[in-house]
Amino acid sequence: MKEKCECSAKKTERTAEEYKRLVNRLNRIEGQIRGIKKMLEANAYCPEILTQSAAVTAAMNSFSKELLSNHIHSCVVRDIKQGDEEVVDELVATIYKLMK
């Protein structure tokens, strides 16, 4: 029997606006990745590809910062108000992962 994935235990309800902003960011990043693949297929000069790769990294960092901010302002605040201080340990662990 398969064990239930721990990641599915918690969910986050997002506003339509927040969802739209995050999906738009991911769609732009997806386009950047496709562009890099095309550059590679076209034998583009390495520094040009690396510049685009750095732009994708910056875009992903920006996405993560927005998502983290939303998480702190909604989920973390809510859980602390409800007396669940374990969410702070979860937040610290998440930040550590982001800082690798």
C-alpha atoms as a PDB file:
ATOM      1  CA  MET A   1       0.000   0.000   0.000  1.00  0.00           C
ATOM      2  CA  LYS A   2       1.359   3.421  -0.962  1.00  0.00           C
ATOM      3  CA  GLU A   3       1.971   5.979   1.762  1.00  0.00           C
ATOM      4  CA  LYS A   4       0.299   9.325   1.364  1.00  0.00           C
ATOM      5  CA  CYS A   5       2.659  12.085   0.271  1.00  0.00           C
ATOM      6  CA  GLU A   6       3.334  14.513   3.126  1.00  0.00           C
ATOM      7  CA  CYS A   7       3.326  17.442   0.729  1.00  0.00           C
ATOM      8  CA  SER A   8      -0.381  17.005   0.048  1.00  0.00           C
ATOM      9  CA  ALA A   9      -1.344  17.359   3.710  1.00  0.00           C
ATOM     10  CA  LYS A  10      -1.318  21.161   3.595  1.00  0.00           C
ATOM     11  CA  LYS A  11      -2.840  23.392   0.957  1.00  0.00           C
ATOM     12  CA  THR A  12      -2.750  27.141   0.355  1.00  0.00           C
ATOM     13  CA  GLU A  13      -5.737  29.012  -0.958  1.00  0.00           C
ATOM     14  CA  ARG A  14      -4.542  31.878  -3.155  1.00  0.00           C
ATOM     15  CA  THR A  15      -6.461  34.861  -4.374  1.00  0.00           C
ATOM     16  CA  ALA A  16      -7.147  34.987  -8.093  1.00  0.00           C
ATOM     17  CA  GLU A  17      -4.793  37.967  -8.359  1.00  0.00           C
ATOM     18  CA  GLU A  18      -1.941  36.212  -6.542  1.00  0.00           C
ATOM     19  CA  TYR A  19      -2.421  33.060  -8.619  1.00  0.00           C
ATOM     20  CA  LYS A  20      -2.401  35.087 -11.842  1.00  0.00           C
ATOM     21  CA  ARG A  21       0.804  36.955 -10.878  1.00  0.00           C
ATOM     22  CA  LEU A  22       2.652  33.760  -9.977  1.00  0.00           C
ATOM     23  CA  VAL A  23       1.519  31.878 -13.081  1.00  0.00           C
ATOM     24  CA  ASN A  24       2.471  34.840 -15.293  1.00  0.00           C
ATOM     25  CA  ARG A  25       5.972  34.821 -13.767  1.00  0.00           C
ATOM     26  CA  LEU A  26       6.306  31.092 -14.379  1.00  0.00           C
ATOM     27  CA  ASN A  27       5.080  31.459 -17.960  1.00  0.00           C
ATOM     28  CA  ARG A  28       7.755  34.100 -18.608  1.00  0.00           C
ATOM     29  CA  ILE A  29      10.413  31.850 -17.062  1.00  0.00           C
ATOM     30  CA  GLU A  30       9.205  28.942 -19.176  1.00  0.00           C
ATOM     31  CA  GLY A  31       9.602  31.136 -22.257  1.00  0.00           C
ATOM     32  CA  GLN A  32      13.114  32.086 -21.191  1.00  0.00           C
ATOM     33  CA  ILE A  33      14.021  28.411 -20.806  1.00  0.00           C
ATOM     34  CA  ARG A  34      12.674  27.631 -24.287  1.00  0.00           C
ATOM     35  CA  GLY A  35      14.742  30.541 -25.603  1.00  0.00           C
ATOM     36  CA  ILE A  36      17.889  29.137 -24.023  1.00  0.00           C
ATOM     37  CA  LYS A  37      17.178  25.734 -25.562  1.00  0.00           C
ATOM     38  CA  LYS A  38      16.829  27.354 -28.989  1.00  0.00           C
ATOM     39  CA  MET A  39      20.097  29.233 -28.449  1.00  0.00           C
ATOM     40  CA  LEU A  40      21.822  25.957 -27.602  1.00  0.00           C
ATOM     41  CA  GLU A  41      20.322  24.249 -30.662  1.00  0.00           C
ATOM     42  CA  ALA A  42      21.554  27.166 -32.792  1.00  0.00           C
ATOM     43  CA  ASN A  43      25.071  26.845 -31.347  1.00  0.00           C
ATOM     44  CA  ALA A  44      24.936  30.313 -29.794  1.00  0.00           C
ATOM     45  CA  TYR A  45      28.059  31.689 -28.171  1.00  0.00           C
ATOM     46  CA  CYS A  46      28.477  30.385 -24.593  1.00  0.00           C
ATOM     47  CA  PRO A  47      28.539  33.782 -22.836  1.00  0.00           C
ATOM     48  CA  GLU A  48      25.233  34.708 -24.498  1.00  0.00           C
ATOM     49  CA  ILE A  49      23.623  31.505 -23.209  1.00  0.00           C
ATOM     50  CA  LEU A  50      25.121  32.047 -19.756  1.00  0.00           C
ATOM     51  CA  THR A  51      23.692  35.566 -19.664  1.00  0.00           C
ATOM     52  CA  GLN A  52      20.235  34.189 -20.392  1.00  0.00           C
ATOM     53  CA  SER A  53      20.750  31.455 -17.804  1.00  0.00           C
ATOM     54  CA  ALA A  54      21.584  34.108 -15.203  1.00  0.00           C
ATOM     55  CA  ALA A  55      18.392  35.940 -16.148  1.00  0.00           C
ATOM     56  CA  VAL A  56      16.375  32.750 -15.520  1.00  0.00           C
ATOM     57  CA  THR A  57      18.041  32.306 -12.144  1.00  0.00           C
ATOM     58  CA  ALA A  58      17.175  35.893 -11.219  1.00  0.00           C
ATOM     59  CA  ALA A  59      13.593  35.384 -12.389  1.00  0.00           C
ATOM     60  CA  MET A  60      13.239  32.201 -10.300  1.00  0.00           C
ATOM     61  CA  ASN A  61      14.661  34.018  -7.276  1.00  0.00           C
ATOM     62  CA  SER A  62      12.128  36.780  -7.808  1.00  0.00           C
ATOM     63  CA  PHE A  63       9.318  34.212  -8.032  1.00  0.00           C
ATOM     64  CA  SER A  64      10.513  32.550  -4.822  1.00  0.00           C
ATOM     65  CA  LYS A  65      10.720  35.881  -2.981  1.00  0.00           C
ATOM     66  CA  GLU A  66       7.159  36.768  -3.952  1.00  0.00           C
ATOM     67  CA  LEU A  67       5.847  33.343  -2.954  1.00  0.00           C
ATOM     68  CA  LEU A  68       7.753  33.461   0.354  1.00  0.00           C
ATOM     69  CA  SER A  69       6.398  36.921   1.124  1.00  0.00           C
ATOM     70  CA  ASN A  70       2.852  35.762   0.387  1.00  0.00           C
ATOM     71  CA  HIS A  71       3.399  32.707   2.584  1.00  0.00           C
ATOM     72  CA  ILE A  72       4.634  34.766   5.529  1.00  0.00           C
ATOM     73  CA  HIS A  73       1.831  37.322   5.253  1.00  0.00           C
ATOM     74  CA  SER A  74      -0.896  34.700   4.977  1.00  0.00           C
ATOM     75  CA  CYS A  75      -0.127  31.170   6.171  1.00  0.00           C
ATOM     76  CA  VAL A  76       2.491  31.980   8.813  1.00  0.00           C
ATOM     77  CA  VAL A  77       0.529  34.866  10.326  1.00  0.00           C
ATOM     78  CA  ARG A  78      -2.662  32.787  10.345  1.00  0.00           C
ATOM     79  CA  ASP A  79      -1.011  29.786  12.001  1.00  0.00           C
ATOM     80  CA  ILE A  80       0.710  31.892  14.673  1.00  0.00           C
ATOM     81  CA  LYS A  81      -2.587  33.620  15.477  1.00  0.00           C
ATOM     82  CA  GLN A  82      -4.119  30.150  15.890  1.00  0.00           C
ATOM     83  CA  GLY A  83      -1.349  29.199  18.335  1.00  0.00           C
ATOM     84  CA  ASP A  84       0.639  26.991  15.959  1.00  0.00           C
ATOM     85  CA  GLU A  85       4.186  28.172  16.549  1.00  0.00           C
ATOM     86  CA  GLU A  86       5.660  25.122  14.771  1.00  0.00           C
ATOM     87  CA  VAL A  87       5.095  27.103  11.579  1.00  0.00           C
ATOM     88  CA  VAL A  88       8.107  29.221  12.568  1.00  0.00           C
ATOM     89  CA  ASP A  89      10.376  26.161  12.488  1.00  0.00           C
ATOM     90  CA  GLU A  90       8.897  25.233   9.113  1.00  0.00           C
ATOM     91  CA  LEU A  91       9.557  28.766   7.848  1.00  0.00           C
ATOM     92  CA  VAL A  92      13.158  28.700   9.067  1.00  0.00           C
ATOM     93  CA  ALA A  93      13.729  25.339   7.355  1.00  0.00           C
ATOM     94  CA  THR A  94      12.236  26.730   4.145  1.00  0.00           C
ATOM     95  CA  ILE A  95      14.486  29.802   4.260  1.00  0.00           C
ATOM     96  CA  TYR A  96      17.533  27.584   4.838  1.00  0.00           C
ATOM     97  CA  LYS A  97      16.600  25.583   1.709  1.00  0.00           C
ATOM     98  CA  LEU A  98      16.282  28.785  -0.306  1.00  0.00           C
ATOM     99  CA  MET A  99      19.698  29.996   0.840  1.00  0.00           C
ATOM    100  CA  LYS A 100      21.625  26.920  -0.409  1.00  0.00           C
END
